[in-house]
């Protein structure tokens, strides 16, 4: 299991390749990358993501450990960025490796849902009209009900 919280951009291809390399015991590797999305009505200049070092890593490790306990996984990778980002930049990456695809997909979805709703990150969207903190969405909270 590898948990990384960093300011710098990451190379998705290199990370995915390294994660999957030599996995002769795993039949499935699932990856997901979250990207900063522009806003439809007021173009996003910057999204700023804040976190508390130490607390954030422990929370992500707890979520990844839970996924590993619920599904038969060989490995988990979570990378999450903080700091200012512009539309199109990668925010985060999840990768799961499992003997079978069902576990790899389910665990990746679980991780994504919990990262979206429970990971201690705070997002602020800065547009031409000003800055607003991103509030929790009902649909993101509802996604947790299936787990």
N, C-alpha and C. Protein backbone atom coordinates (compact mmCIF):
# COMPACT_ATOMS: atom_id res chain seq x y z
N UNK A 1 0.85 -1.17 0.00
CA UNK A 1 0.00 0.00 0.00
C UNK A 1 0.90 1.24 0.00
N UNK A 2 0.54 2.16 -0.86
CA UNK A 2 1.30 3.41 -0.93
C UNK A 2 0.31 4.57 -0.94
N UNK A 3 0.50 5.50 -0.01
CA UNK A 3 -0.33 6.69 0.12
C UNK A 3 0.58 7.89 -0.04
N UNK A 4 0.24 8.78 -0.97
CA UNK A 4 1.07 9.96 -1.23
C UNK A 4 0.17 11.19 -1.25
N UNK A 5 0.56 12.20 -0.49
CA UNK A 5 -0.10 13.51 -0.54
C UNK A 5 1.00 14.50 -0.91
N UNK A 6 0.82 15.15 -2.05
CA UNK A 6 1.90 16.00 -2.56
C UNK A 6 1.36 17.21 -3.29
N UNK A 7 2.19 18.23 -3.37
CA UNK A 7 1.83 19.45 -4.09
C UNK A 7 2.12 19.31 -5.58
N UNK A 8 3.20 18.63 -5.90
CA UNK A 8 3.67 18.54 -7.28
C UNK A 8 2.76 17.66 -8.14
N UNK A 9 2.67 17.94 -9.44
CA UNK A 9 1.95 17.06 -10.36
C UNK A 9 2.60 15.67 -10.36
N UNK A 10 1.82 14.68 -10.77
CA UNK A 10 2.35 13.32 -10.89
C UNK A 10 2.16 12.86 -12.33
N UNK A 11 2.96 11.89 -12.72
CA UNK A 11 2.90 11.31 -14.05
C UNK A 11 2.04 10.06 -13.99
N UNK A 12 0.79 10.17 -14.44
CA UNK A 12 -0.14 9.05 -14.35
C UNK A 12 0.41 7.80 -15.01
N UNK A 13 0.94 7.94 -16.22
CA UNK A 13 1.45 6.79 -16.95
C UNK A 13 2.58 6.09 -16.20
N UNK A 14 3.50 6.88 -15.66
CA UNK A 14 4.61 6.29 -14.91
C UNK A 14 4.12 5.62 -13.64
N UNK A 15 3.20 6.27 -12.94
CA UNK A 15 2.66 5.70 -11.70
C UNK A 15 1.89 4.40 -11.98
N UNK A 16 1.03 4.43 -12.99
CA UNK A 16 0.25 3.24 -13.33
C UNK A 16 1.16 2.11 -13.79
N UNK A 17 2.16 2.45 -14.60
CA UNK A 17 3.10 1.44 -15.08
C UNK A 17 3.90 0.81 -13.95
N UNK A 18 4.37 1.63 -13.03
CA UNK A 18 5.14 1.11 -11.90
C UNK A 18 4.26 0.26 -10.99
N UNK A 19 3.02 0.69 -10.81
CA UNK A 19 2.09 -0.06 -9.95
C UNK A 19 1.79 -1.44 -10.53
N UNK A 20 1.64 -1.51 -11.84
CA UNK A 20 1.27 -2.77 -12.50
C UNK A 20 2.47 -3.66 -12.82
N UNK A 21 3.66 -3.11 -12.80
CA UNK A 21 4.85 -3.86 -13.22
C UNK A 21 5.07 -5.11 -12.36
N UNK A 22 5.29 -6.22 -13.03
CA UNK A 22 5.64 -7.46 -12.36
C UNK A 22 4.51 -8.13 -11.60
N UNK A 23 3.29 -7.75 -11.85
CA UNK A 23 2.14 -8.30 -11.11
C UNK A 23 1.67 -9.61 -11.74
N UNK A 24 2.49 -10.62 -11.69
CA UNK A 24 2.10 -11.91 -12.27
C UNK A 24 1.07 -12.64 -11.42
N UNK A 25 0.91 -12.22 -10.17
CA UNK A 25 -0.07 -12.86 -9.28
C UNK A 25 -1.42 -12.13 -9.29
N UNK A 26 -1.50 -11.02 -9.98
CA UNK A 26 -2.72 -10.22 -10.02
C UNK A 26 -3.32 -10.29 -11.42
N UNK A 27 -4.62 -10.56 -11.51
CA UNK A 27 -5.29 -10.63 -12.81
C UNK A 27 -5.94 -9.33 -13.22
N UNK A 28 -5.96 -8.33 -12.31
CA UNK A 28 -6.63 -7.07 -12.62
C UNK A 28 -5.93 -5.90 -11.94
N UNK A 29 -5.75 -4.85 -12.69
CA UNK A 29 -5.29 -3.57 -12.15
C UNK A 29 -6.27 -2.52 -12.64
N UNK A 30 -6.87 -1.80 -11.71
CA UNK A 30 -7.84 -0.75 -12.03
C UNK A 30 -7.25 0.58 -11.59
N UNK A 31 -7.36 1.58 -12.47
CA UNK A 31 -6.88 2.91 -12.13
C UNK A 31 -7.96 3.94 -12.39
N UNK A 32 -7.88 5.02 -11.65
CA UNK A 32 -8.78 6.17 -11.82
C UNK A 32 -7.98 7.42 -11.54
N UNK A 33 -8.22 8.45 -12.33
CA UNK A 33 -7.58 9.73 -12.11
C UNK A 33 -8.64 10.82 -12.11
N UNK A 34 -8.65 11.63 -11.05
CA UNK A 34 -9.54 12.78 -10.98
C UNK A 34 -8.84 14.00 -11.55
N UNK A 35 -9.58 14.78 -12.31
CA UNK A 35 -9.04 15.95 -13.01
C UNK A 35 -9.84 17.19 -12.63
N UNK A 36 -9.17 18.33 -12.49
CA UNK A 36 -9.87 19.59 -12.21
C UNK A 36 -10.78 19.90 -13.38
N UNK A 37 -12.05 20.08 -13.07
CA UNK A 37 -13.07 20.34 -14.09
C UNK A 37 -13.40 21.83 -14.08
N UNK A 38 -13.53 22.40 -15.26
CA UNK A 38 -13.93 23.81 -15.38
C UNK A 38 -15.39 23.94 -15.00
N UNK A 39 -15.80 25.14 -14.68
CA UNK A 39 -17.19 25.41 -14.30
C UNK A 39 -17.96 25.92 -15.51
N UNK A 40 -19.22 25.52 -15.66
CA UNK A 40 -19.97 25.89 -16.86
C UNK A 40 -20.36 27.37 -16.95
N UNK A 41 -20.67 28.00 -15.83
CA UNK A 41 -21.19 29.37 -15.89
C UNK A 41 -20.14 30.45 -15.67
N UNK A 42 -19.10 30.14 -14.92
CA UNK A 42 -18.07 31.12 -14.59
C UNK A 42 -16.73 30.39 -14.63
N UNK A 43 -15.95 30.57 -15.69
CA UNK A 43 -14.72 29.78 -15.85
C UNK A 43 -13.85 29.78 -14.59
N UNK A 44 -13.38 28.59 -14.24
CA UNK A 44 -12.53 28.39 -13.08
C UNK A 44 -11.12 28.87 -13.41
N UNK A 45 -10.62 29.77 -12.59
CA UNK A 45 -9.23 30.19 -12.74
C UNK A 45 -8.30 29.21 -12.02
N UNK A 46 -8.64 28.94 -10.77
CA UNK A 46 -7.81 28.07 -9.94
C UNK A 46 -8.69 27.33 -8.94
N UNK A 47 -8.34 26.08 -8.67
CA UNK A 47 -8.90 25.36 -7.53
C UNK A 47 -7.77 25.20 -6.53
N UNK A 48 -8.01 25.62 -5.32
CA UNK A 48 -7.02 25.45 -4.26
C UNK A 48 -7.49 24.35 -3.32
N UNK A 49 -6.62 23.40 -3.06
CA UNK A 49 -6.94 22.30 -2.15
C UNK A 49 -6.02 22.41 -0.94
N UNK A 50 -6.65 22.41 0.24
CA UNK A 50 -5.91 22.48 1.49
C UNK A 50 -6.09 21.19 2.27
N UNK A 51 -5.15 20.92 3.16
CA UNK A 51 -5.24 19.73 4.01
C UNK A 51 -4.37 19.95 5.25
N UNK A 52 -4.51 19.04 6.22
CA UNK A 52 -3.65 19.05 7.41
C UNK A 52 -2.65 17.91 7.29
N UNK A 53 -1.37 18.24 7.07
CA UNK A 53 -0.37 17.17 6.96
C UNK A 53 -0.39 16.26 8.18
N UNK A 54 -0.17 14.99 7.94
CA UNK A 54 -0.21 14.01 9.01
C UNK A 54 -1.62 13.45 9.18
N UNK A 55 -2.56 14.31 9.47
CA UNK A 55 -3.95 13.87 9.63
C UNK A 55 -4.48 13.32 8.31
N UNK A 56 -4.17 13.99 7.23
CA UNK A 56 -4.67 13.57 5.92
C UNK A 56 -4.12 12.20 5.53
N UNK A 57 -2.82 12.03 5.68
CA UNK A 57 -2.21 10.74 5.32
C UNK A 57 -2.80 9.60 6.16
N UNK A 58 -3.00 9.84 7.46
CA UNK A 58 -3.59 8.80 8.32
C UNK A 58 -5.01 8.46 7.87
N UNK A 59 -5.78 9.47 7.50
CA UNK A 59 -7.15 9.22 7.04
C UNK A 59 -7.16 8.43 5.73
N UNK A 60 -6.28 8.76 4.80
CA UNK A 60 -6.20 8.02 3.54
C UNK A 60 -5.74 6.59 3.77
N UNK A 61 -4.80 6.42 4.67
CA UNK A 61 -4.33 5.07 4.98
C UNK A 61 -5.45 4.24 5.60
N UNK A 62 -6.26 4.84 6.44
CA UNK A 62 -7.39 4.13 7.05
C UNK A 62 -8.39 3.68 5.98
N UNK A 63 -8.69 4.56 5.03
CA UNK A 63 -9.62 4.22 3.95
C UNK A 63 -9.04 3.09 3.09
N UNK A 64 -7.75 3.18 2.76
CA UNK A 64 -7.11 2.15 1.94
C UNK A 64 -7.03 0.82 2.69
N UNK A 65 -6.78 0.87 3.99
CA UNK A 65 -6.74 -0.35 4.78
C UNK A 65 -8.12 -1.01 4.81
N UNK A 66 -9.17 -0.20 4.96
CA UNK A 66 -10.51 -0.76 4.95
C UNK A 66 -10.82 -1.44 3.62
N UNK A 67 -10.42 -0.81 2.52
CA UNK A 67 -10.63 -1.43 1.21
C UNK A 67 -9.89 -2.77 1.13
N UNK A 68 -8.67 -2.81 1.64
CA UNK A 68 -7.89 -4.04 1.60
C UNK A 68 -8.49 -5.14 2.46
N UNK A 69 -9.18 -4.75 3.51
CA UNK A 69 -9.83 -5.74 4.38
C UNK A 69 -11.15 -6.24 3.79
N UNK A 70 -11.82 -5.40 3.02
CA UNK A 70 -13.12 -5.77 2.45
C UNK A 70 -13.00 -6.59 1.17
N UNK A 71 -11.95 -6.35 0.39
CA UNK A 71 -11.77 -7.04 -0.88
C UNK A 71 -10.41 -7.72 -0.91
N UNK A 72 -10.29 -8.73 -1.75
CA UNK A 72 -9.04 -9.46 -1.91
C UNK A 72 -8.12 -8.67 -2.83
N UNK A 73 -7.30 -7.83 -2.23
CA UNK A 73 -6.41 -6.96 -3.00
C UNK A 73 -4.96 -7.35 -2.78
N UNK A 74 -4.18 -7.17 -3.83
CA UNK A 74 -2.74 -7.37 -3.74
C UNK A 74 -2.03 -6.08 -3.39
N UNK A 75 -2.63 -4.94 -3.77
CA UNK A 75 -1.99 -3.65 -3.50
C UNK A 75 -2.97 -2.52 -3.75
N UNK A 76 -2.66 -1.37 -3.15
CA UNK A 76 -3.45 -0.15 -3.30
C UNK A 76 -2.49 1.02 -3.42
N UNK A 77 -2.83 1.94 -4.29
CA UNK A 77 -2.10 3.20 -4.44
C UNK A 77 -3.09 4.35 -4.40
N UNK A 78 -2.80 5.35 -3.59
CA UNK A 78 -3.59 6.58 -3.56
C UNK A 78 -2.62 7.75 -3.63
N UNK A 79 -2.79 8.59 -4.63
CA UNK A 79 -2.03 9.84 -4.73
C UNK A 79 -3.04 10.97 -4.74
N UNK A 80 -2.85 11.96 -3.89
CA UNK A 80 -3.76 13.12 -3.86
C UNK A 80 -2.92 14.38 -3.74
N UNK A 81 -3.22 15.33 -4.59
CA UNK A 81 -2.48 16.60 -4.59
C UNK A 81 -3.17 17.64 -3.72
N UNK A 82 -2.40 18.65 -3.36
CA UNK A 82 -2.93 19.83 -2.69
C UNK A 82 -2.27 21.05 -3.31
N UNK A 83 -2.79 22.23 -2.96
CA UNK A 83 -2.26 23.47 -3.53
C UNK A 83 -3.11 23.95 -4.68
N UNK A 84 -2.63 24.96 -5.40
CA UNK A 84 -3.40 25.51 -6.53
C UNK A 84 -3.29 24.64 -7.78
N UNK A 85 -4.43 24.45 -8.46
CA UNK A 85 -4.48 23.68 -9.71
C UNK A 85 -5.44 24.35 -10.67
N UNK A 86 -5.17 24.21 -11.95
CA UNK A 86 -6.02 24.79 -12.98
C UNK A 86 -6.80 23.69 -13.70
N UNK A 87 -7.87 24.06 -14.42
CA UNK A 87 -8.65 23.06 -15.14
C UNK A 87 -7.76 22.19 -16.04
N UNK A 88 -8.03 20.89 -15.99
CA UNK A 88 -7.27 19.93 -16.77
C UNK A 88 -6.16 19.25 -16.00
N UNK A 89 -5.76 19.82 -14.87
CA UNK A 89 -4.69 19.20 -14.08
C UNK A 89 -5.24 18.03 -13.28
N UNK A 90 -4.39 17.04 -13.06
CA UNK A 90 -4.77 15.87 -12.27
C UNK A 90 -4.76 16.22 -10.78
N UNK A 91 -5.84 15.82 -10.11
CA UNK A 91 -5.95 16.05 -8.67
C UNK A 91 -5.50 14.81 -7.90
N UNK A 92 -5.98 13.66 -8.33
CA UNK A 92 -5.72 12.45 -7.57
C UNK A 92 -5.72 11.22 -8.47
N UNK A 93 -5.20 10.13 -7.88
CA UNK A 93 -5.15 8.86 -8.59
C UNK A 93 -5.38 7.74 -7.58
N UNK A 94 -6.15 6.76 -7.98
CA UNK A 94 -6.36 5.54 -7.21
C UNK A 94 -6.00 4.38 -8.11
N UNK A 95 -5.30 3.40 -7.56
CA UNK A 95 -5.02 2.16 -8.30
C UNK A 95 -5.21 0.99 -7.34
N UNK A 96 -5.85 -0.05 -7.83
CA UNK A 96 -6.01 -1.28 -7.05
C UNK A 96 -5.57 -2.46 -7.90
N UNK A 97 -4.96 -3.43 -7.25
CA UNK A 97 -4.56 -4.67 -7.92
C UNK A 97 -5.19 -5.83 -7.16
N UNK A 98 -5.78 -6.75 -7.89
CA UNK A 98 -6.45 -7.90 -7.28
C UNK A 98 -6.34 -9.10 -8.21
N UNK A 99 -6.50 -10.30 -7.64
CA UNK A 99 -6.49 -11.48 -8.49
C UNK A 99 -7.61 -11.47 -9.53
N UNK A 100 -8.75 -10.84 -9.17
CA UNK A 100 -9.90 -10.81 -10.07
C UNK A 100 -10.44 -9.40 -10.20
N UNK A 101 -11.02 -9.09 -11.35
CA UNK A 101 -11.47 -7.74 -11.66
C UNK A 101 -12.58 -7.22 -10.75
N UNK A 102 -13.47 -8.10 -10.30
CA UNK A 102 -14.59 -7.65 -9.47
C UNK A 102 -14.07 -6.95 -8.21
N UNK A 103 -13.09 -7.56 -7.54
CA UNK A 103 -12.52 -6.95 -6.34
C UNK A 103 -11.78 -5.66 -6.67
N UNK A 104 -11.02 -5.65 -7.77
CA UNK A 104 -10.26 -4.46 -8.13
C UNK A 104 -11.18 -3.28 -8.44
N UNK A 105 -12.25 -3.53 -9.20
CA UNK A 105 -13.20 -2.45 -9.52
C UNK A 105 -13.95 -1.98 -8.28
N UNK A 106 -14.47 -2.91 -7.48
CA UNK A 106 -15.24 -2.53 -6.29
C UNK A 106 -14.39 -1.73 -5.32
N UNK A 107 -13.18 -2.18 -5.08
CA UNK A 107 -12.30 -1.46 -4.16
C UNK A 107 -11.95 -0.08 -4.68
N UNK A 108 -11.70 0.04 -5.98
CA UNK A 108 -11.40 1.36 -6.56
C UNK A 108 -12.59 2.30 -6.41
N UNK A 109 -13.79 1.80 -6.68
CA UNK A 109 -14.98 2.65 -6.51
C UNK A 109 -15.18 3.05 -5.05
N UNK A 110 -14.99 2.13 -4.14
CA UNK A 110 -15.08 2.41 -2.71
C UNK A 110 -14.10 3.52 -2.34
N UNK A 111 -12.86 3.37 -2.76
CA UNK A 111 -11.83 4.37 -2.46
C UNK A 111 -12.22 5.75 -3.02
N UNK A 112 -12.68 5.76 -4.27
CA UNK A 112 -13.06 7.04 -4.88
C UNK A 112 -14.21 7.69 -4.13
N UNK A 113 -15.22 6.91 -3.77
CA UNK A 113 -16.36 7.47 -3.04
C UNK A 113 -15.94 8.02 -1.69
N UNK A 114 -15.12 7.29 -0.97
CA UNK A 114 -14.70 7.74 0.35
C UNK A 114 -13.71 8.90 0.27
N UNK A 115 -12.85 8.90 -0.72
CA UNK A 115 -11.94 10.04 -0.89
C UNK A 115 -12.72 11.31 -1.18
N UNK A 116 -13.75 11.19 -2.00
CA UNK A 116 -14.58 12.35 -2.38
C UNK A 116 -15.31 12.94 -1.17
N UNK A 117 -15.79 12.07 -0.28
CA UNK A 117 -16.66 12.52 0.80
C UNK A 117 -16.03 12.57 2.18
N UNK A 118 -15.00 11.77 2.43
CA UNK A 118 -14.49 11.65 3.79
C UNK A 118 -13.03 12.05 3.98
N UNK A 119 -12.29 12.14 2.90
CA UNK A 119 -10.89 12.53 3.05
C UNK A 119 -10.82 14.00 3.46
N UNK A 120 -9.93 14.31 4.39
CA UNK A 120 -9.86 15.68 4.91
C UNK A 120 -9.11 16.64 3.97
N UNK A 121 -9.78 16.97 2.88
CA UNK A 121 -9.30 17.99 1.95
C UNK A 121 -10.37 19.05 1.84
N UNK A 122 -9.96 20.30 1.70
CA UNK A 122 -10.90 21.41 1.53
C UNK A 122 -10.57 22.10 0.23
N UNK A 123 -11.61 22.28 -0.61
CA UNK A 123 -11.43 22.83 -1.95
C UNK A 123 -12.07 24.20 -2.06
N UNK A 124 -11.32 25.11 -2.66
CA UNK A 124 -11.83 26.45 -2.91
C UNK A 124 -11.72 26.71 -4.41
N UNK A 125 -12.85 27.12 -5.02
CA UNK A 125 -12.86 27.46 -6.44
C UNK A 125 -12.74 28.97 -6.59
N UNK A 126 -11.78 29.38 -7.40
CA UNK A 126 -11.56 30.80 -7.65
C UNK A 126 -11.91 31.09 -9.11
N UNK A 127 -12.89 31.98 -9.28
CA UNK A 127 -13.36 32.36 -10.62
C UNK A 127 -13.24 33.88 -10.76
N UNK A 128 -13.69 34.37 -11.87
CA UNK A 128 -13.71 35.81 -12.09
C UNK A 128 -14.63 36.54 -11.12
N UNK A 129 -15.61 35.82 -10.57
CA UNK A 129 -16.57 36.40 -9.63
C UNK A 129 -16.12 36.32 -8.18
N UNK A 130 -14.99 35.68 -7.92
CA UNK A 130 -14.52 35.57 -6.54
C UNK A 130 -14.14 34.13 -6.19
N UNK A 131 -14.16 33.85 -4.89
CA UNK A 131 -13.75 32.53 -4.39
C UNK A 131 -14.85 31.94 -3.51
N UNK A 132 -15.08 30.65 -3.68
CA UNK A 132 -16.07 29.93 -2.88
C UNK A 132 -15.52 28.57 -2.49
N UNK A 133 -15.76 28.20 -1.22
CA UNK A 133 -15.42 26.86 -0.76
C UNK A 133 -16.43 25.88 -1.36
N UNK A 134 -15.96 24.73 -1.77
CA UNK A 134 -16.83 23.71 -2.35
C UNK A 134 -17.54 22.97 -1.22
N UNK A 135 -18.86 22.97 -1.27
CA UNK A 135 -19.66 22.29 -0.25
C UNK A 135 -19.85 20.82 -0.61
N UNK A 136 -20.09 20.02 0.40
CA UNK A 136 -20.40 18.60 0.18
C UNK A 136 -21.68 18.50 -0.63
N UNK A 137 -21.73 17.52 -1.53
CA UNK A 137 -22.91 17.32 -2.37
C UNK A 137 -23.70 16.12 -1.87
N UNK A 138 -25.02 16.25 -1.93
CA UNK A 138 -25.89 15.16 -1.48
C UNK A 138 -25.62 13.87 -2.24
N UNK A 139 -25.37 13.96 -3.55
CA UNK A 139 -25.14 12.74 -4.33
C UNK A 139 -23.84 12.04 -3.93
N UNK A 140 -22.83 12.82 -3.49
CA UNK A 140 -21.58 12.20 -3.03
C UNK A 140 -21.81 11.47 -1.71
N UNK A 141 -22.58 12.08 -0.83
CA UNK A 141 -22.92 11.43 0.44
C UNK A 141 -23.76 10.18 0.19
N UNK A 142 -24.70 10.28 -0.72
CA UNK A 142 -25.58 9.13 -1.03
C UNK A 142 -24.78 7.98 -1.61
N UNK A 143 -23.69 8.26 -2.32
CA UNK A 143 -22.87 7.21 -2.91
C UNK A 143 -22.26 6.31 -1.83
N UNK A 144 -22.09 6.85 -0.64
CA UNK A 144 -21.51 6.06 0.45
C UNK A 144 -22.47 4.99 0.98
N UNK A 145 -23.76 5.19 0.74
CA UNK A 145 -24.76 4.25 1.26
C UNK A 145 -24.60 2.84 0.70
N UNK A 146 -24.04 2.73 -0.48
CA UNK A 146 -23.91 1.39 -1.05
C UNK A 146 -22.78 0.59 -0.42
N UNK A 147 -21.96 1.22 0.36
CA UNK A 147 -20.85 0.52 1.01
C UNK A 147 -21.18 0.19 2.44
